[in-house]
Protein backbone atom coordinates (compact mmCIF):
# COMPACT_ATOMS: atom_id res chain seq x y z
CA MET A 1 -82.87 -148.49 -161.84
CA ASP A 2 -80.59 -145.53 -159.63
CA LYS A 3 -83.13 -144.14 -158.80
CA ARG A 4 -85.10 -146.84 -157.27
CA ARG A 5 -81.62 -147.53 -155.59
CA ASN A 6 -81.05 -144.03 -154.11
CA ARG A 7 -84.28 -144.10 -152.50
CA GLU A 8 -83.48 -147.02 -150.95
CA LEU A 9 -80.28 -145.79 -149.52
CA GLY A 10 -82.01 -142.77 -148.76
CA ARG A 11 -84.35 -145.00 -146.54
CA LYS A 12 -81.49 -146.89 -144.88
CA TYR A 13 -79.49 -143.71 -143.96
CA LEU A 14 -82.56 -141.83 -142.42
CA LYS A 15 -83.63 -145.24 -140.46
CA PHE A 16 -79.75 -145.59 -139.34
CA LEU A 17 -80.10 -141.93 -138.36
CA LYS A 18 -83.24 -142.23 -136.55
CA THR A 19 -81.52 -144.95 -134.76
CA LYS A 20 -78.18 -143.13 -133.63
CA ILE A 21 -80.52 -140.31 -132.33
CA LEU A 22 -82.87 -142.21 -130.01
CA ARG A 23 -79.91 -143.96 -128.50
CA TYR A 24 -78.44 -140.58 -128.19
CA LEU A 25 -81.46 -139.30 -126.52
CA SER A 26 -81.69 -142.41 -124.27
CA LEU A 27 -77.98 -142.12 -123.11
CA LEU A 28 -78.96 -138.36 -122.17
CA LEU A 29 -81.41 -139.37 -120.45
CA LEU A 30 -79.97 -141.94 -118.43
CA LEU A 31 -77.46 -139.63 -116.97
CA PHE A 32 -79.76 -136.84 -116.06
CA THR A 33 -81.72 -139.73 -114.08
CA ILE A 34 -78.44 -140.70 -112.37
CA VAL A 35 -77.53 -136.84 -111.89
CA ILE A 36 -80.90 -136.36 -110.22
CA SER A 37 -80.48 -139.29 -108.14
CA CYS A 38 -77.38 -138.59 -107.05
CA ASP A 39 -78.62 -135.22 -105.50
CA LYS A 40 -81.41 -136.70 -103.83
CA LYS A 41 -79.23 -139.05 -102.14
CA GLU A 42 -76.78 -136.05 -100.88
CA GLU A 43 -79.81 -134.28 -99.72
CA LYS A 44 -80.37 -136.99 -97.80
CA LYS A 45 -77.20 -136.96 -96.38
CA GLY A 46 -76.80 -133.64 -94.77
CA VAL A 47 -78.83 -130.85 -96.77
CA PRO A 48 -81.70 -130.28 -94.92
CA GLN A 49 -85.02 -130.26 -97.12
CA LYS A 50 -87.58 -127.07 -96.62
CA ASN A 51 -90.57 -128.86 -95.00
CA GLU A 52 -88.30 -130.94 -93.19
CA LYS A 53 -89.06 -130.49 -89.46
CA LYS A 54 -86.15 -129.75 -87.07
CA GLU A 55 -85.96 -130.81 -82.86
CA PRO A 56 -86.89 -127.54 -81.29
CA ILE A 57 -84.04 -126.53 -79.08
CA ILE A 58 -85.85 -126.32 -75.65
CA LYS A 59 -84.16 -124.40 -72.74
CA GLU A 60 -84.60 -123.69 -69.09
CA PHE A 61 -83.21 -123.49 -65.76
CA GLY A 62 -79.75 -123.06 -67.60
CA PHE A 63 -80.19 -126.31 -69.43
CA ILE A 64 -80.74 -127.48 -73.01
CA PHE A 65 -83.29 -130.36 -72.58
CA ASN A 66 -81.53 -131.73 -76.04
CA ASP A 67 -78.84 -132.49 -74.99
CA TYR A 68 -80.25 -134.95 -72.04
CA GLU A 69 -83.15 -137.33 -70.92
CA VAL A 70 -85.13 -135.46 -69.08
CA ILE A 71 -87.65 -136.90 -66.23
CA ARG A 72 -90.01 -134.62 -64.53
CA ASP A 73 -91.42 -135.53 -61.26
CA THR A 74 -93.11 -133.70 -58.08
CA ILE A 75 -91.85 -134.43 -54.56
CA LYS A 76 -94.06 -137.24 -52.81
CA SER A 77 -94.96 -138.48 -49.40
CA GLY A 78 -92.08 -140.31 -48.00
CA ASP A 79 -89.41 -138.54 -50.67
CA ASN A 80 -85.97 -137.02 -49.81
CA LEU A 81 -82.98 -136.47 -51.57
CA GLY A 82 -81.12 -139.76 -50.86
CA LEU A 83 -84.24 -142.10 -52.11
CA ILE A 84 -83.92 -140.08 -55.64
CA PHE A 85 -80.37 -140.19 -56.08
CA ASP A 86 -80.54 -144.36 -55.26
CA LYS A 87 -82.94 -144.40 -58.50
CA TYR A 88 -79.60 -143.27 -60.64
CA LYS A 89 -76.02 -143.59 -61.00
CA LEU A 90 -73.98 -140.76 -59.81
CA PRO A 91 -70.88 -139.43 -61.65
CA ASP A 92 -67.35 -140.82 -60.59
CA SER A 93 -69.20 -143.82 -58.40
CA LEU A 94 -70.28 -141.24 -55.65
CA ARG A 95 -72.22 -142.80 -52.55
CA THR A 96 -75.69 -141.29 -52.22
CA TYR A 97 -75.00 -140.39 -48.41
CA ASP A 98 -71.65 -138.37 -49.20
CA VAL A 99 -73.39 -136.25 -51.98
CA VAL A 100 -76.17 -135.21 -49.67
CA GLU A 101 -73.64 -134.45 -46.71
CA LYS A 102 -71.58 -132.36 -49.19
CA VAL A 103 -74.83 -130.19 -50.61
CA LYS A 104 -76.41 -129.62 -47.32
CA ASP A 105 -75.35 -126.39 -46.40
CA SER A 106 -76.65 -125.29 -49.73
CA PHE A 107 -79.25 -127.05 -49.93
CA ASN A 108 -81.18 -128.08 -46.71
CA PRO A 109 -82.63 -131.93 -47.59
CA ARG A 110 -85.19 -130.78 -45.70
CA MET A 111 -86.73 -127.97 -47.25
CA ILE A 112 -88.16 -130.32 -50.11
CA LYS A 113 -91.71 -130.29 -49.87
CA ILE A 114 -94.81 -132.76 -51.29
CA GLY A 115 -96.23 -131.43 -54.43
CA LYS A 116 -93.20 -129.68 -55.48
CA PRO A 117 -91.96 -129.95 -58.75
CA TYR A 118 -88.45 -131.42 -60.06
CA LEU A 119 -86.39 -132.25 -62.96
CA LEU A 120 -83.78 -134.84 -63.35
CA PHE A 121 -81.50 -134.51 -66.31
CA LEU A 122 -79.89 -138.01 -67.17
CA ASP A 123 -76.86 -138.41 -69.81
CA LYS A 124 -78.24 -139.69 -73.28
CA LYS A 125 -75.56 -142.33 -73.49
CA ASP A 126 -76.20 -143.58 -69.82
CA PRO A 127 -80.17 -142.76 -68.84
CA LYS A 128 -79.36 -144.09 -65.70
CA GLU A 129 -76.44 -141.76 -64.89
CA LEU A 130 -77.76 -138.63 -63.03
CA LYS A 131 -76.11 -135.15 -64.64
CA ALA A 132 -78.04 -132.58 -62.39
CA LEU A 133 -81.23 -132.17 -60.44
CA VAL A 134 -83.17 -129.34 -60.30
CA TYR A 135 -85.68 -128.65 -57.46
CA VAL A 136 -88.45 -125.90 -58.15
CA LYS A 137 -88.89 -123.37 -55.12
CA ASN A 138 -91.69 -121.50 -56.69
CA LYS A 139 -92.52 -119.39 -59.87
CA ILE A 140 -89.02 -117.54 -59.78
CA ASP A 141 -86.70 -119.22 -57.55
CA TYR A 142 -84.93 -122.83 -57.75
CA ALA A 143 -82.48 -124.99 -56.86
CA VAL A 144 -79.58 -127.12 -58.93
CA ILE A 145 -77.72 -129.76 -57.72
CA ASP A 146 -74.97 -129.97 -60.61
CA PHE A 147 -72.67 -133.17 -60.78
CA ARG A 148 -71.14 -132.56 -64.38
CA ASP A 149 -67.84 -130.71 -63.60
CA SER A 150 -67.90 -131.17 -59.65
CA ILE A 151 -70.59 -131.32 -57.21
CA GLN A 152 -72.55 -127.86 -56.71
CA VAL A 153 -75.42 -126.41 -55.56
CA ILE A 154 -76.72 -123.14 -57.34
CA ASN A 155 -79.93 -121.48 -56.23
CA LYS A 156 -81.24 -119.34 -58.47
CA LYS A 157 -83.78 -117.05 -60.17
CA LYS A 158 -85.77 -116.95 -63.14
CA ALA A 159 -85.97 -113.47 -65.31
CA THR A 160 -88.40 -111.35 -64.30
CA SER A 161 -89.57 -107.72 -65.36
CA LEU A 162 -92.06 -105.26 -64.52
CA LYS A 163 -94.78 -104.32 -67.04
CA ARG A 164 -97.02 -101.17 -66.14
CA ARG A 165 -100.17 -100.32 -67.42
CA THR A 166 -103.68 -98.96 -66.24
CA ILE A 167 -106.97 -100.58 -66.14
CA ALA A 168 -110.57 -99.76 -65.51
CA ALA A 169 -113.79 -100.78 -65.13
CA GLU A 170 -117.44 -100.70 -63.81
CA ILE A 171 -118.48 -103.59 -61.12
CA GLU A 172 -120.32 -106.13 -62.96
CA GLY A 173 -121.18 -109.43 -60.42
CA SER A 174 -117.94 -109.54 -57.59
CA PHE A 175 -114.92 -107.82 -57.67
CA SER A 176 -113.02 -110.69 -58.83
CA GLU A 177 -114.85 -111.48 -61.82
CA THR A 178 -114.48 -107.71 -62.83
CA LEU A 179 -110.72 -107.78 -62.77
CA ALA A 180 -110.73 -111.26 -64.19
CA ASN A 181 -112.68 -109.58 -67.28
CA GLU A 182 -110.56 -107.21 -67.32
CA GLY A 183 -107.77 -109.97 -67.72
CA ALA A 184 -106.31 -108.74 -64.31
CA SER A 185 -105.67 -111.14 -61.49
CA PRO A 186 -108.51 -111.67 -58.88
CA ALA A 187 -105.90 -111.02 -56.39
CA LEU A 188 -105.63 -107.33 -57.06
CA ALA A 189 -109.05 -107.21 -55.33
CA SER A 190 -106.96 -108.17 -51.61
CA ARG A 191 -104.41 -105.31 -52.98
CA LEU A 192 -106.79 -102.86 -53.16
CA ALA A 193 -109.04 -103.77 -50.71
CA LYS A 194 -105.77 -103.42 -48.52
CA VAL A 195 -105.51 -99.99 -49.68
CA TYR A 196 -108.60 -98.58 -49.01
CA GLU A 197 -109.54 -100.74 -45.86
CA TYR A 198 -110.07 -97.06 -43.92
CA SER A 199 -112.19 -95.95 -46.52
CA ILE A 200 -114.54 -98.29 -48.30
CA ASP A 201 -115.99 -100.96 -47.20
CA PHE A 202 -115.28 -103.93 -49.54
CA PHE A 203 -118.67 -105.71 -48.52
CA LYS A 204 -120.88 -102.93 -49.84
CA ILE A 205 -119.18 -102.83 -53.34
CA GLN A 206 -122.18 -102.64 -55.61
CA LYS A 207 -122.93 -103.46 -59.27
CA GLY A 208 -122.34 -99.91 -61.04
CA ASP A 209 -119.13 -98.87 -59.11
CA LYS A 210 -116.28 -97.62 -60.95
CA PHE A 211 -112.58 -98.30 -60.70
CA CYS A 212 -108.92 -97.12 -62.24
CA ALA A 213 -105.83 -98.65 -61.22
CA THR A 214 -102.80 -97.98 -62.49
CA ILE A 215 -100.10 -101.19 -61.16
CA TYR A 216 -96.75 -103.08 -61.99
CA GLU A 217 -97.38 -106.70 -62.99
CA ARG A 218 -94.20 -109.11 -62.57
CA TYR A 219 -93.69 -111.53 -65.79
CA ILE A 220 -91.31 -114.41 -65.66
CA GLU A 221 -89.20 -114.13 -68.82
CA ASP A 222 -91.47 -111.41 -69.97
CA THR A 223 -94.50 -114.27 -70.93
CA ILE A 224 -95.57 -115.93 -67.27
CA TYR A 225 -97.50 -113.93 -65.36
CA ALA A 226 -96.57 -113.94 -61.59
CA GLY A 227 -98.73 -111.47 -60.02
CA VAL A 228 -99.50 -107.61 -59.15
CA GLU A 229 -96.42 -105.95 -57.81
CA ARG A 230 -97.56 -102.86 -56.63
CA VAL A 231 -100.06 -100.23 -56.96
CA GLU A 232 -99.19 -96.60 -58.40
CA ALA A 233 -101.87 -95.01 -58.17
CA THR A 234 -106.05 -95.83 -57.86
CA TYR A 235 -109.45 -94.44 -57.90
CA PHE A 236 -113.05 -95.80 -56.83
CA LYS A 237 -115.90 -94.50 -57.42
CA HIS A 238 -118.32 -95.88 -54.75
CA ARG A 239 -121.70 -95.01 -54.13
CA GLY A 240 -121.57 -91.85 -56.11
CA LYS A 241 -118.61 -90.84 -54.05
CA ASP A 242 -114.66 -90.25 -55.47
CA PHE A 243 -111.80 -92.02 -53.82
CA TYR A 244 -108.46 -91.81 -54.70
CA ALA A 245 -105.30 -93.14 -53.36
CA PHE A 246 -101.80 -92.76 -53.76
CA PRO A 247 -99.02 -94.35 -52.01
CA TYR A 248 -96.02 -91.85 -50.85
CA LYS A 249 -93.06 -92.21 -48.14
CA LEU A 250 -92.90 -88.69 -46.13
CA LYS A 251 -89.38 -90.15 -45.02
CA ALA A 252 -86.50 -91.49 -47.12
CA GLU A 253 -86.01 -94.65 -44.36
CA GLN A 254 -89.97 -95.38 -44.53
CA ALA A 255 -89.83 -99.31 -45.46
CA ILE A 256 -93.87 -99.17 -46.31
CA PRO A 257 -95.94 -96.00 -47.98
CA ASP A 258 -98.96 -94.50 -46.83
CA TYR A 259 -101.88 -94.04 -48.44
CA TYR A 260 -103.13 -90.25 -49.18
CA ASP A 261 -106.29 -88.88 -51.74
CA GLU A 262 -105.30 -86.23 -53.96
CA ASP A 263 -105.69 -83.58 -51.32
CA GLY A 264 -103.00 -85.24 -49.01
CA ASN A 265 -105.19 -86.68 -46.60
CA GLY A 266 -104.12 -89.99 -45.02
CA LEU A 267 -106.25 -92.79 -45.75
CA LYS A 268 -105.94 -94.32 -42.82
CA THR A 269 -108.55 -94.33 -39.74
CA MET A 270 -108.36 -95.23 -35.97
CA PHE A 271 -110.10 -97.75 -37.17
CA LEU A 272 -110.14 -100.79 -40.28
CA LYS A 273 -113.33 -101.50 -41.70
CA ALA A 274 -113.34 -105.23 -40.79
CA PRO A 275 -111.25 -107.70 -38.89
CA LEU A 276 -111.04 -109.66 -42.16
CA ASP A 277 -109.64 -108.81 -45.64
CA TYR A 278 -112.39 -109.56 -48.36
CA PHE A 279 -115.19 -111.72 -47.14
CA ARG A 280 -118.90 -111.36 -46.99
CA ILE A 281 -121.02 -110.00 -43.98
CA SER A 282 -123.17 -113.18 -43.12
CA SER A 283 -125.34 -111.20 -40.70
CA ARG A 284 -125.43 -107.75 -39.29
CA PHE A 285 -125.46 -105.79 -35.80
CA SER A 286 -129.19 -105.99 -35.36
CA GLY A 287 -132.20 -105.10 -32.35
CA ARG A 288 -134.46 -108.56 -33.62
CA ARG A 289 -133.00 -111.61 -35.23
CA PHE A 290 -133.87 -115.19 -34.86
CA HIS A 291 -130.59 -117.12 -33.55
CA PRO A 292 -129.76 -120.15 -35.95
CA VAL A 293 -128.64 -121.77 -32.97
CA GLN A 294 -130.64 -120.77 -30.08
CA LYS A 295 -134.28 -120.98 -32.30
CA ARG A 296 -135.25 -117.71 -30.82
CA TRP A 297 -135.79 -114.26 -31.83
CA LYS A 298 -133.24 -111.61 -29.90
CA ALA A 299 -130.56 -108.83 -30.13
CA HIS A 300 -127.73 -109.49 -32.60
CA SER A 301 -125.02 -106.65 -30.81
CA GLY A 302 -122.13 -107.93 -33.39
CA THR A 303 -121.48 -108.01 -37.22
CA ASP A 304 -121.10 -111.56 -38.57
CA TYR A 305 -118.18 -112.04 -41.49
CA ALA A 306 -118.34 -115.10 -42.69
CA ALA A 307 -115.04 -117.09 -43.80
CA ALA A 308 -113.20 -120.50 -44.11
CA THR A 309 -111.47 -121.87 -41.24
CA GLY A 310 -108.37 -120.65 -40.43
CA THR A 311 -108.71 -117.05 -42.13
CA PRO A 312 -106.60 -114.92 -40.24
CA ILE A 313 -108.92 -112.22 -38.09
CA LYS A 314 -106.87 -108.79 -37.61
CA ALA A 315 -107.03 -106.09 -34.46
CA THR A 316 -109.13 -103.39 -36.09
CA ALA A 317 -107.03 -100.67 -33.62
CA ALA A 318 -104.20 -100.94 -32.02
CA GLY A 319 -104.82 -101.91 -27.95
CA VAL A 320 -104.32 -103.47 -25.10
CA VAL A 321 -106.03 -107.50 -25.11
CA GLU A 322 -108.18 -106.78 -21.89
CA ARG A 323 -109.27 -110.62 -22.27
CA ALA A 324 -108.83 -113.76 -24.20
CA GLY A 325 -110.42 -116.98 -23.24
CA TYR A 326 -113.33 -119.30 -23.95
CA THR A 327 -117.33 -119.35 -23.13
CA SER A 328 -119.84 -121.64 -24.00
CA GLY A 329 -121.47 -118.97 -26.31
CA ASN A 330 -118.46 -116.72 -27.10
CA GLY A 331 -116.39 -119.92 -27.93
CA ASN A 332 -112.90 -118.79 -28.23
CA TYR A 333 -112.81 -114.83 -28.11
CA VAL A 334 -110.70 -112.30 -27.67
CA LYS A 335 -111.39 -108.49 -26.56
CA ILE A 336 -109.35 -105.19 -26.60
CA ARG A 337 -109.54 -102.04 -25.53
CA HIS A 338 -108.16 -99.26 -27.97
CA ASN A 339 -108.43 -96.50 -25.64
CA GLY A 340 -111.18 -94.73 -22.97
CA THR A 341 -113.82 -94.78 -25.57
CA TYR A 342 -113.32 -97.70 -27.72
CA SER A 343 -113.30 -101.62 -27.17
CA THR A 344 -113.47 -104.30 -29.81
CA GLN A 345 -114.47 -108.02 -29.07
CA TYR A 346 -113.90 -111.29 -31.80
CA LEU A 347 -115.66 -114.08 -31.21
CA HIS A 348 -115.75 -118.11 -32.44
CA MET A 349 -112.06 -118.35 -33.08
CA SER A 350 -110.59 -121.35 -33.94
CA LYS A 351 -107.36 -120.42 -32.03
CA ILE A 352 -106.37 -117.33 -30.14
CA LEU A 353 -102.82 -116.10 -31.36
CA VAL A 354 -102.84 -113.07 -28.48
CA LYS A 355 -103.09 -113.37 -24.47
CA LYS A 356 -104.41 -111.01 -21.62
CA GLY A 357 -102.25 -107.92 -21.13
CA GLN A 358 -100.30 -107.94 -24.14
CA TYR A 359 -100.55 -104.87 -26.82
CA VAL A 360 -101.54 -105.89 -30.28
CA SER A 361 -100.82 -102.89 -33.20
CA GLN A 362 -103.63 -102.13 -35.69
CA GLY A 363 -104.07 -105.21 -38.91
CA GLN A 364 -102.15 -107.79 -36.15
CA VAL A 365 -103.19 -111.23 -36.77
CA ILE A 366 -104.86 -112.03 -33.22
CA GLY A 367 -106.59 -115.44 -34.01
CA LYS A 368 -107.99 -117.72 -36.59
CA VAL A 369 -111.95 -117.73 -37.98
CA GLY A 370 -113.19 -120.68 -36.72
CA SER A 371 -117.18 -122.12 -35.42
CA THR A 372 -116.93 -122.69 -31.57
CA GLY A 373 -119.28 -122.00 -28.97
CA LEU A 374 -123.04 -121.42 -30.45
CA ALA A 375 -122.34 -120.85 -34.30
CA THR A 376 -123.08 -122.89 -36.98
CA GLY A 377 -120.49 -122.34 -39.44
CA PRO A 378 -116.82 -120.50 -39.45
CA HIS A 379 -117.39 -116.92 -39.26
CA VAL A 380 -116.25 -114.32 -36.97
CA CYS A 381 -118.34 -112.49 -34.96
CA TYR A 382 -116.98 -108.87 -34.27
CA ARG A 383 -118.44 -105.95 -31.20
CA PHE A 384 -117.30 -102.79 -30.93
CA TRP A 385 -117.95 -100.72 -27.80
CA LYS A 386 -118.12 -96.74 -27.31
CA ASN A 387 -118.48 -95.74 -23.85
CA GLY A 388 -119.45 -99.05 -22.70
CA VAL A 389 -122.47 -99.10 -24.57
CA GLN A 390 -122.49 -102.09 -28.17
CA VAL A 391 -122.86 -100.02 -31.20
CA ASP A 392 -122.90 -100.33 -34.88
CA PRO A 393 -119.19 -99.81 -36.13
CA LEU A 394 -120.88 -99.49 -39.81
CA ARG A 395 -123.28 -97.02 -38.95
CA LEU A 396 -120.28 -94.67 -36.78
CA ILE A 397 -118.23 -91.76 -38.17
CA LEU A 398 -114.74 -93.28 -36.65
CA PRO A 399 -111.53 -90.99 -35.90
CA SER A 400 -109.33 -90.37 -38.54
CA ALA A 401 -105.40 -90.22 -38.48
CA GLU A 402 -103.32 -87.30 -37.87
CA PRO A 403 -103.03 -85.28 -41.61
CA MET A 404 -100.49 -84.83 -43.90
CA LYS A 405 -98.39 -81.93 -43.00
CA GLU A 406 -98.27 -78.70 -45.16
CA LYS A 407 -94.55 -78.34 -45.59
CA ASP A 408 -94.84 -81.91 -47.20
CA LYS A 409 -98.14 -81.55 -49.09
CA GLY A 410 -96.44 -79.11 -52.26
CA GLN A 411 -94.04 -81.98 -52.84
CA TYR A 412 -96.68 -84.53 -52.79
CA LEU A 413 -99.19 -82.67 -54.97
CA LYS A 414 -96.55 -82.19 -57.47
CA HIS A 415 -95.34 -86.15 -57.21
CA ILE A 416 -99.00 -87.61 -57.90
CA GLU A 417 -100.57 -84.49 -60.78
CA PRO A 418 -99.08 -86.83 -63.37
CA LEU A 419 -100.71 -89.90 -62.06
CA LYS A 420 -103.85 -88.29 -61.25
CA ARG A 421 -104.19 -86.98 -64.65
CA GLU A 422 -103.85 -90.76 -66.19
CA LEU A 423 -106.53 -91.90 -64.04
CA ASP A 424 -109.07 -89.09 -65.38
CA SER A 425 -107.72 -89.61 -68.37
CA VAL A 426 -108.01 -93.04 -68.61
CA MET A 427 -111.68 -93.08 -67.06
CA THR A 428 -112.78 -90.64 -69.33
CA ASN A 429 -111.74 -92.38 -72.66
CA LYS A 430 -113.37 -95.53 -71.05
CA PHE A 431 -116.35 -94.47 -69.68
CA LYS A 432 -117.30 -91.63 -72.57
CA GLU A 433 -121.13 -90.94 -72.56
């Protein structure tokens, strides 16, 4: 009887103990849940989460965009500062007229051009209140009309840097396409054409020609490409012949350097290779050609350079304008006498920019490409006289400029030695056989 009673008491105790433990564990679980919930609430209040995305900070033109409502727009036909300002509230109840008058000395309202971008920085609390206007002049230059403290105009430039590199390639397709394939600006084609304008006819560059150039390129804020700043050294292999070119100033006060070859010979000749910078020949000098307008066979005593209407036409050598006018065949034309031996003529201009008796320098723009007279499309017909006879200038060996003096050559050769060595090294590594 006692044993049975003791077992009964034992079972009741165990049941009691089990109940107590379960209650205790439930209490602990409840407390743990409350603590976790509080922690999460705290995290949501201010502690950033690992996966939480922060708003990126945008900085440009000296402004933190996140602090403003920013509107980007472009100048449209009929726009002016007054019309732009009239759409918004100006600080301190300023009148649009007063603002325009106050800033006009530093920011000429007439300077704004259709298509140019501008930005408006507006108050975040009151998006109708204008804090500043930024007018973007070009990739580098911009102007700020700032209303935040007092009205002021600040003309600024974006930070830029120069990067130097040497590129080499073999011509495939057009020269511009070859440059683009090498990650260089196609505009470099015009720069190199300018360097070699006295020694290489860029209209005759062909597949298989090779080149190498050491250049400085400008970048805006180290990332945005802004073009070629200058050419430090260059080499062309054209039709099996080597052409080196190095810029060099013989005099400290010289503003623009001249180009010389690896032996100190100047690249300048008396005549440029062509009256245009970089365009194609559409018709050559010929004793027999079918005239596209007159529809008959006749001699063509000039070289036609096709180009867009308005393209600048340059005098190929210095001289005096002998004639400037119009005929039904030539259209608007200019003829220049260079000396007792040579004369040149430029036909079919859309506009003449010189007059009879005027002295012109080599490379000076004397007119614009057009299609006046007997012409089916825009081009310049370039004619060349030697001793009174029309000849093909592309077949002539034209007179050269004066070579570098011996007293200057030693210093020049020392200057170009590492530059030439670098060009040769890049070419050797690029075109290993």
